[in-house]
Amino acid sequence: MIVVVDERHDVTEAYKSSISKEGYSVVSFSPMDFLSWFQSTIEVDLSAVDALVLGEFEDRVQIAKNIKSKAGVPTIALNDVAALETTLRLFAAGIDDVVRKPVHAREIIARIAAIRRRNEGSQKQALWDLDGLTIFGGGRNPEINANVFQVPRRELRILEYLAANKGRRSTRAQIFASVYGVFDEHVEECVVESHISKLRKKLRNELGYDPIDTQRYLGYQLVGRTAMAA
């Protein structure tokens, strides 16, 4: 889920629409509403946030500091005009990247992926690379035995989320929040099970084993071939 913050409703709606077309869930807030939500949010909601995109508004620097003090969520600031002092203050506050508008949604997503790679310590490091399955993140299709494996955007987002949370189980609610957003009232949470069922079938056909382990009440987790055989 990508969160867009701006005091101009038309701006947030425009980015919400363009980013959604790239397969990401997006929610938008005014600065005041965002700060209230961010300070009171529970862990399951915060873990679903892939990145924050901050437009121009008063107290943006302070909000950036609040974000970094609570969570290491990749944060991008959008500037209407080039201003060196503003850019320097934003970086000093902990903003990961500052971009001059206009900027395409694809570039925003690419910059988010670049921030995550830097945070992980290697620009070539995959989120998951085991037993023939390689998952990269950032919207890049995974590979099976070094061949590109095409999957629909929602299924890809689920695969990326599971890979980013390797080593621990993810509940249906957590996956739903990441893929559809915690505020989407028009989609039922059970749709996650349908997406995962289709994804597991495709992966099993290509890999010869099922890399998504499910335990009732505990959730989903990526596993290797050895773990499945155990």
C-alpha atoms as a PDB file:
ATOM      1  CA  MET A   1       0.000   0.000   0.000  1.00  0.00           C
ATOM      2  CA  ILE A   2       1.308   3.447  -0.965  1.00  0.00           C
ATOM      3  CA  VAL A   3       0.137   6.425   1.079  1.00  0.00           C
ATOM      4  CA  VAL A   4      -0.125   9.845  -0.587  1.00  0.00           C
ATOM      5  CA  VAL A   5      -0.311  12.940   1.605  1.00  0.00           C
ATOM      6  CA  ASP A   6      -1.251  16.399   0.313  1.00  0.00           C
ATOM      7  CA  GLU A   7      -3.643  19.128   1.383  1.00  0.00           C
ATOM      8  CA  ARG A   8      -4.940  19.464  -2.188  1.00  0.00           C
ATOM      9  CA  HIS A   9      -7.635  16.884  -2.866  1.00  0.00           C
ATOM     10  CA  ASP A  10      -7.222  17.019  -6.649  1.00  0.00           C
ATOM     11  CA  VAL A  11      -3.509  16.254  -6.315  1.00  0.00           C
ATOM     12  CA  THR A  12      -3.996  13.212  -4.077  1.00  0.00           C
ATOM     13  CA  GLU A  13      -6.778  11.883  -6.289  1.00  0.00           C
ATOM     14  CA  ALA A  14      -4.623  12.234  -9.416  1.00  0.00           C
ATOM     15  CA  TYR A  15      -1.748  10.265  -7.908  1.00  0.00           C
ATOM     16  CA  LYS A  16      -4.128   7.786  -6.344  1.00  0.00           C
ATOM     17  CA  SER A  17      -5.561   7.050  -9.787  1.00  0.00           C
ATOM     18  CA  SER A  18      -2.232   6.832 -11.638  1.00  0.00           C
ATOM     19  CA  ILE A  19      -0.482   4.673  -9.043  1.00  0.00           C
ATOM     20  CA  SER A  20      -3.490   2.341  -8.790  1.00  0.00           C
ATOM     21  CA  LYS A  21      -3.211   1.694 -12.528  1.00  0.00           C
ATOM     22  CA  GLU A  22       0.259   0.283 -11.893  1.00  0.00           C
ATOM     23  CA  GLY A  23      -1.217  -2.413  -9.638  1.00  0.00           C
ATOM     24  CA  TYR A  24      -0.636  -0.851  -6.225  1.00  0.00           C
ATOM     25  CA  SER A  25      -3.229  -0.080  -3.585  1.00  0.00           C
ATOM     26  CA  VAL A  26      -3.227   3.609  -2.679  1.00  0.00           C
ATOM     27  CA  VAL A  27      -4.799   5.629   0.099  1.00  0.00           C
ATOM     28  CA  SER A  28      -4.682   9.398   0.428  1.00  0.00           C
ATOM     29  CA  PHE A  29      -4.805  11.739   3.406  1.00  0.00           C
ATOM     30  CA  SER A  30      -4.749  15.399   4.213  1.00  0.00           C
ATOM     31  CA  PRO A  31      -1.687  16.192   6.382  1.00  0.00           C
ATOM     32  CA  MET A  32      -3.759  16.467   9.581  1.00  0.00           C
ATOM     33  CA  ASP A  33      -5.677  13.252   8.954  1.00  0.00           C
ATOM     34  CA  PHE A  34      -2.488  11.403   8.048  1.00  0.00           C
ATOM     35  CA  LEU A  35      -0.678  12.436  11.220  1.00  0.00           C
ATOM     36  CA  SER A  36      -3.637  11.356  13.335  1.00  0.00           C
ATOM     37  CA  TRP A  37      -3.805   7.977  11.576  1.00  0.00           C
ATOM     38  CA  PHE A  38      -0.056   7.378  11.572  1.00  0.00           C
ATOM     39  CA  GLN A  39       0.341   8.076  15.279  1.00  0.00           C
ATOM     40  CA  SER A  40      -2.529   5.801  16.253  1.00  0.00           C
ATOM     41  CA  THR A  41      -2.185   3.019  13.687  1.00  0.00           C
ATOM     42  CA  ILE A  42      -1.689  -0.554  14.814  1.00  0.00           C
ATOM     43  CA  GLU A  43       1.239  -2.654  13.653  1.00  0.00           C
ATOM     44  CA  VAL A  44      -0.724  -4.714  11.126  1.00  0.00           C
ATOM     45  CA  ASP A  45      -1.758  -1.538   9.280  1.00  0.00           C
ATOM     46  CA  LEU A  46       1.680   0.053   9.370  1.00  0.00           C
ATOM     47  CA  SER A  47       3.367  -3.107   8.101  1.00  0.00           C
ATOM     48  CA  ALA A  48       1.185  -2.873   4.996  1.00  0.00           C
ATOM     49  CA  VAL A  49       2.637   0.517   3.990  1.00  0.00           C
ATOM     50  CA  ASP A  50       5.120   0.144   1.124  1.00  0.00           C
ATOM     51  CA  ALA A  51       5.952   3.836   0.918  1.00  0.00           C
ATOM     52  CA  LEU A  52       4.828   7.370   1.713  1.00  0.00           C
ATOM     53  CA  VAL A  53       4.589  10.110  -0.908  1.00  0.00           C
ATOM     54  CA  LEU A  54       4.420  13.630   0.516  1.00  0.00           C
ATOM     55  CA  GLY A  55       3.241  16.569  -1.564  1.00  0.00           C
ATOM     56  CA  GLU A  56       3.913  20.199  -0.617  1.00  0.00           C
ATOM     57  CA  PHE A  57       2.213  21.406   2.555  1.00  0.00           C
ATOM     58  CA  GLU A  58       3.003  23.193   5.790  1.00  0.00           C
ATOM     59  CA  ASP A  59       4.780  21.147   8.492  1.00  0.00           C
ATOM     60  CA  ARG A  60       5.979  18.607   5.931  1.00  0.00           C
ATOM     61  CA  VAL A  61       9.438  18.549   7.513  1.00  0.00           C
ATOM     62  CA  GLN A  62       7.996  17.829  10.957  1.00  0.00           C
ATOM     63  CA  ILE A  63       5.802  15.049   9.612  1.00  0.00           C
ATOM     64  CA  ALA A  64       8.844  13.540   7.895  1.00  0.00           C
ATOM     65  CA  LYS A  65      10.667  13.501  11.235  1.00  0.00           C
ATOM     66  CA  ASN A  66       7.688  11.805  12.898  1.00  0.00           C
ATOM     67  CA  ILE A  67       7.650   9.138  10.206  1.00  0.00           C
ATOM     68  CA  LYS A  68      11.323   8.286  10.605  1.00  0.00           C
ATOM     69  CA  SER A  69      11.113   8.220  14.375  1.00  0.00           C
ATOM     70  CA  LYS A  70       8.424   5.536  14.258  1.00  0.00           C
ATOM     71  CA  ALA A  71       9.076   3.469  11.143  1.00  0.00           C
ATOM     72  CA  GLY A  72      11.578   3.006   8.360  1.00  0.00           C
ATOM     73  CA  VAL A  73       8.996   3.383   5.614  1.00  0.00           C
ATOM     74  CA  PRO A  74      10.485   4.615   2.300  1.00  0.00           C
ATOM     75  CA  THR A  75       9.431   8.248   1.950  1.00  0.00           C
ATOM     76  CA  ILE A  76       9.464  10.450  -1.144  1.00  0.00           C
ATOM     77  CA  ALA A  77       8.745  14.187  -1.192  1.00  0.00           C
ATOM     78  CA  LEU A  78       7.327  15.854  -4.291  1.00  0.00           C
ATOM     79  CA  ASN A  79       8.283  19.482  -4.951  1.00  0.00           C
ATOM     80  CA  ASP A  80       6.321  21.814  -7.224  1.00  0.00           C
ATOM     81  CA  VAL A  81       9.461  23.860  -7.960  1.00  0.00           C
ATOM     82  CA  ALA A  82      13.184  23.302  -7.532  1.00  0.00           C
ATOM     83  CA  ALA A  83      14.397  24.821  -4.266  1.00  0.00           C
ATOM     84  CA  LEU A  84      17.759  23.835  -2.842  1.00  0.00           C
ATOM     85  CA  GLU A  85      17.099  24.880   0.762  1.00  0.00           C
ATOM     86  CA  THR A  86      13.781  23.026   0.844  1.00  0.00           C
ATOM     87  CA  THR A  87      15.419  19.897  -0.571  1.00  0.00           C
ATOM     88  CA  LEU A  88      18.229  20.033   1.998  1.00  0.00           C
ATOM     89  CA  ARG A  89      15.763  20.420   4.888  1.00  0.00           C
ATOM     90  CA  LEU A  90      13.776  17.432   3.661  1.00  0.00           C
ATOM     91  CA  PHE A  91      16.843  15.209   3.422  1.00  0.00           C
ATOM     92  CA  ALA A  92      17.951  16.349   6.875  1.00  0.00           C
ATOM     93  CA  ALA A  93      14.518  15.369   8.226  1.00  0.00           C
ATOM     94  CA  GLY A  94      14.961  11.817   6.945  1.00  0.00           C
ATOM     95  CA  ILE A  95      13.235  11.927   3.562  1.00  0.00           C
ATOM     96  CA  ASP A  96      14.718   9.240   1.295  1.00  0.00           C
ATOM     97  CA  ASP A  97      14.202  11.019  -2.026  1.00  0.00           C
ATOM     98  CA  VAL A  98      13.033  14.406  -3.304  1.00  0.00           C
ATOM     99  CA  VAL A  99      11.494  14.616  -6.779  1.00  0.00           C
ATOM    100  CA  ARG A 100      10.497  17.615  -8.877  1.00  0.00           C
ATOM    101  CA  LYS A 101       6.999  17.441 -10.335  1.00  0.00           C
ATOM    102  CA  PRO A 102       5.624  16.473 -12.742  1.00  0.00           C
ATOM    103  CA  VAL A 103       6.612  12.850 -12.212  1.00  0.00           C
ATOM    104  CA  HIS A 104       5.023   9.701 -13.634  1.00  0.00           C
ATOM    105  CA  ALA A 105       3.624   7.043 -11.303  1.00  0.00           C
ATOM    106  CA  ARG A 106       6.050   4.498 -12.759  1.00  0.00           C
ATOM    107  CA  GLU A 107       8.992   6.669 -11.766  1.00  0.00           C
ATOM    108  CA  ILE A 108       7.649   6.986  -8.221  1.00  0.00           C
ATOM    109  CA  ILE A 109       7.337   3.194  -7.975  1.00  0.00           C
ATOM    110  CA  ALA A 110      10.838   2.727  -9.427  1.00  0.00           C
ATOM    111  CA  ARG A 111      12.261   5.173  -6.880  1.00  0.00           C
ATOM    112  CA  ILE A 112      10.499   3.333  -4.051  1.00  0.00           C
ATOM    113  CA  ALA A 113      12.045   0.066  -5.244  1.00  0.00           C
ATOM    114  CA  ALA A 114      15.478   1.743  -5.395  1.00  0.00           C
ATOM    115  CA  ILE A 115      15.111   2.997  -1.814  1.00  0.00           C
ATOM    116  CA  ARG A 116      14.211  -0.496  -0.642  1.00  0.00           C
ATOM    117  CA  ARG A 117      17.224  -1.974  -2.417  1.00  0.00           C
ATOM    118  CA  ARG A 118      19.515   0.572  -0.781  1.00  0.00           C
ATOM    119  CA  ASN A 119      17.994  -0.187   2.610  1.00  0.00           C
ATOM    120  CA  GLU A 120      18.596  -3.895   2.055  1.00  0.00           C
ATOM    121  CA  GLY A 121      22.250  -3.173   1.332  1.00  0.00           C
ATOM    122  CA  SER A 122      22.469  -4.387  -2.239  1.00  0.00           C
ATOM    123  CA  GLN A 123      20.934  -3.203  -5.469  1.00  0.00           C
ATOM    124  CA  LYS A 124      21.128  -6.720  -6.924  1.00  0.00           C
ATOM    125  CA  GLN A 125      19.777  -8.552  -3.923  1.00  0.00           C
ATOM    126  CA  ALA A 126      16.513 -10.386  -4.503  1.00  0.00           C
ATOM    127  CA  LEU A 127      13.825 -10.566  -1.851  1.00  0.00           C
ATOM    128  CA  TRP A 128      13.751 -14.348  -2.281  1.00  0.00           C
ATOM    129  CA  ASP A 129      16.077 -16.694  -4.162  1.00  0.00           C
ATOM    130  CA  LEU A 130      15.649 -20.369  -3.323  1.00  0.00           C
ATOM    131  CA  ASP A 131      15.038 -23.654  -5.140  1.00  0.00           C
ATOM    132  CA  GLY A 132      14.518 -22.126  -8.559  1.00  0.00           C
ATOM    133  CA  LEU A 133      12.262 -19.235  -7.496  1.00  0.00           C
ATOM    134  CA  THR A 134      13.619 -15.668  -7.495  1.00  0.00           C
ATOM    135  CA  ILE A 135      11.458 -12.746  -6.356  1.00  0.00           C
ATOM    136  CA  PHE A 136      12.807  -9.228  -6.845  1.00  0.00           C
ATOM    137  CA  GLY A 137      10.181  -6.759  -5.643  1.00  0.00           C
ATOM    138  CA  GLY A 138       9.470  -3.317  -7.047  1.00  0.00           C
ATOM    139  CA  GLY A 139       6.989  -4.641  -9.605  1.00  0.00           C
ATOM    140  CA  ARG A 140       9.565  -6.748 -11.465  1.00  0.00           C
ATOM    141  CA  ASN A 141       8.302 -10.160 -12.520  1.00  0.00           C
ATOM    142  CA  PRO A 142       9.868 -13.090 -10.664  1.00  0.00           C
ATOM    143  CA  GLU A 143      12.021 -15.721 -12.313  1.00  0.00           C
ATOM    144  CA  ILE A 144      11.699 -19.494 -12.264  1.00  0.00           C
ATOM    145  CA  ASN A 145      14.922 -21.301 -13.098  1.00  0.00           C
ATOM    146  CA  ALA A 146      16.313 -18.007 -14.498  1.00  0.00           C
ATOM    147  CA  ASN A 147      13.320 -17.527 -16.833  1.00  0.00           C
ATOM    148  CA  VAL A 148      10.912 -14.618 -16.409  1.00  0.00           C
ATOM    149  CA  PHE A 149       7.610 -15.769 -14.918  1.00  0.00           C
ATOM    150  CA  GLN A 150       4.672 -13.540 -15.792  1.00  0.00           C
ATOM    151  CA  VAL A 151       1.958 -13.151 -13.145  1.00  0.00           C
ATOM    152  CA  PRO A 152      -0.969 -10.731 -12.793  1.00  0.00           C
ATOM    153  CA  ARG A 153      -0.293  -7.603 -10.748  1.00  0.00           C
ATOM    154  CA  ARG A 154      -2.332  -8.570  -7.691  1.00  0.00           C
ATOM    155  CA  GLU A 155      -0.705 -11.986  -7.508  1.00  0.00           C
ATOM    156  CA  LEU A 156       2.706 -10.367  -7.953  1.00  0.00           C
ATOM    157  CA  ARG A 157       2.009  -8.001  -5.047  1.00  0.00           C
ATOM    158  CA  ILE A 158       1.104 -10.978  -2.848  1.00  0.00           C
ATOM    159  CA  LEU A 159       4.292 -12.790  -3.857  1.00  0.00           C
ATOM    160  CA  GLU A 160       6.376  -9.681  -3.132  1.00  0.00           C
ATOM    161  CA  TYR A 161       4.731  -9.249   0.262  1.00  0.00           C
ATOM    162  CA  LEU A 162       5.405 -12.852   1.266  1.00  0.00           C
ATOM    163  CA  ALA A 163       9.011 -12.553   0.089  1.00  0.00           C
ATOM    164  CA  ALA A 164       9.534  -9.290   1.984  1.00  0.00           C
ATOM    165  CA  ASN A 165       8.232 -11.031   5.109  1.00  0.00           C
ATOM    166  CA  LYS A 166      10.224 -14.226   4.679  1.00  0.00           C
ATOM    167  CA  GLY A 167      10.820 -16.166   7.846  1.00  0.00           C
ATOM    168  CA  ARG A 168       7.458 -15.306   9.379  1.00  0.00           C
ATOM    169  CA  ARG A 169       3.843 -15.987   8.568  1.00  0.00           C
ATOM    170  CA  SER A 170       1.498 -13.373   7.154  1.00  0.00           C
ATOM    171  CA  THR A 171      -2.207 -13.400   7.882  1.00  0.00           C
ATOM    172  CA  ARG A 172      -4.915 -12.905   5.319  1.00  0.00           C
ATOM    173  CA  ALA A 173      -5.653  -9.497   6.851  1.00  0.00           C
ATOM    174  CA  GLN A 174      -2.028  -8.375   6.498  1.00  0.00           C
ATOM    175  CA  ILE A 175      -1.835  -9.487   2.868  1.00  0.00           C
ATOM    176  CA  PHE A 176      -5.168  -7.874   2.068  1.00  0.00           C
ATOM    177  CA  ALA A 177      -4.058  -4.582   3.624  1.00  0.00           C
ATOM    178  CA  SER A 178      -0.877  -4.592   1.554  1.00  0.00           C
ATOM    179  CA  VAL A 179      -2.528  -5.447  -1.754  1.00  0.00           C
ATOM    180  CA  TYR A 180      -5.841  -3.606  -1.487  1.00  0.00           C
ATOM    181  CA  GLY A 181      -5.292  -1.076   1.269  1.00  0.00           C
ATOM    182  CA  VAL A 182      -6.632  -0.983   4.796  1.00  0.00           C
ATOM    183  CA  PHE A 183      -9.479   1.318   3.824  1.00  0.00           C
ATOM    184  CA  ASP A 184     -10.880  -0.486   0.779  1.00  0.00           C
ATOM    185  CA  GLU A 185     -14.478  -1.268   1.649  1.00  0.00           C
ATOM    186  CA  HIS A 186     -15.437  -2.440  -1.831  1.00  0.00           C
ATOM    187  CA  VAL A 187     -13.425  -5.672  -1.868  1.00  0.00           C
ATOM    188  CA  GLU A 188     -13.914  -8.612   0.477  1.00  0.00           C
ATOM    189  CA  GLU A 189     -10.884  -9.872   2.380  1.00  0.00           C
ATOM    190  CA  CYS A 190     -11.536 -13.427   1.189  1.00  0.00           C
ATOM    191  CA  VAL A 191     -10.362 -12.419  -2.312  1.00  0.00           C
ATOM    192  CA  VAL A 192      -6.826 -13.004  -1.012  1.00  0.00           C
ATOM    193  CA  GLU A 193      -7.520 -16.741  -0.785  1.00  0.00           C
ATOM    194  CA  SER A 194      -8.630 -16.814  -4.414  1.00  0.00           C
ATOM    195  CA  HIS A 195      -5.489 -15.002  -5.592  1.00  0.00           C
ATOM    196  CA  ILE A 196      -3.216 -17.274  -3.555  1.00  0.00           C
ATOM    197  CA  SER A 197      -4.966 -20.401  -4.815  1.00  0.00           C
ATOM    198  CA  LYS A 198      -4.357 -19.365  -8.448  1.00  0.00           C
ATOM    199  CA  LEU A 199      -0.787 -18.343  -7.678  1.00  0.00           C
ATOM    200  CA  ARG A 200       0.025 -21.626  -5.926  1.00  0.00           C
ATOM    201  CA  LYS A 201      -1.286 -23.652  -8.861  1.00  0.00           C
ATOM    202  CA  LYS A 202       0.870 -21.728 -11.357  1.00  0.00           C
ATOM    203  CA  LEU A 203       3.981 -21.955  -9.206  1.00  0.00           C
ATOM    204  CA  ARG A 204       3.461 -25.655  -8.487  1.00  0.00           C
ATOM    205  CA  ASN A 205       3.118 -26.396 -12.208  1.00  0.00           C
ATOM    206  CA  GLU A 206       6.397 -24.611 -12.970  1.00  0.00           C
ATOM    207  CA  LEU A 207       8.463 -25.537  -9.913  1.00  0.00           C
ATOM    208  CA  GLY A 208       7.203 -29.027  -9.160  1.00  0.00           C
ATOM    209  CA  TYR A 209       6.454 -28.054  -5.569  1.00  0.00           C
ATOM    210  CA  ASP A 210       4.268 -25.559  -3.720  1.00  0.00           C
ATOM    211  CA  PRO A 211       6.355 -22.681  -2.293  1.00  0.00           C
ATOM    212  CA  ILE A 212       3.451 -21.145  -0.321  1.00  0.00           C
ATOM    213  CA  ASP A 213       2.822 -22.975   2.934  1.00  0.00           C
ATOM    214  CA  THR A 214      -0.517 -22.422   4.649  1.00  0.00           C
ATOM    215  CA  GLN A 215      -1.445 -23.117   8.243  1.00  0.00           C
ATOM    216  CA  ARG A 216      -4.949 -22.509   9.449  1.00  0.00           C
ATOM    217  CA  TYR A 217      -5.231 -19.535  11.820  1.00  0.00           C
ATOM    218  CA  LEU A 218      -1.507 -18.789  11.396  1.00  0.00           C
ATOM    219  CA  GLY A 219      -1.337 -17.626   7.801  1.00  0.00           C
ATOM    220  CA  TYR A 220       0.929 -17.956   4.788  1.00  0.00           C
ATOM    221  CA  GLN A 221       4.682 -18.272   4.388  1.00  0.00           C
ATOM    222  CA  LEU A 222       7.126 -18.829   1.540  1.00  0.00           C
ATOM    223  CA  VAL A 223       9.121 -22.042   1.878  1.00  0.00           C
ATOM    224  CA  GLY A 224      11.667 -23.959  -0.140  1.00  0.00           C
ATOM    225  CA  ARG A 225      11.446 -27.456  -1.597  1.00  0.00           C
ATOM    226  CA  THR A 226      13.270 -28.980   1.395  1.00  0.00           C
ATOM    227  CA  ALA A 227      10.818 -27.535   3.881  1.00  0.00           C
ATOM    228  CA  MET A 228       7.892 -28.926   1.913  1.00  0.00           C
ATOM    229  CA  ALA A 229       9.468 -32.390   1.881  1.00  0.00           C
ATOM    230  CA  ALA A 230      10.115 -32.368   5.624  1.00  0.00           C
END
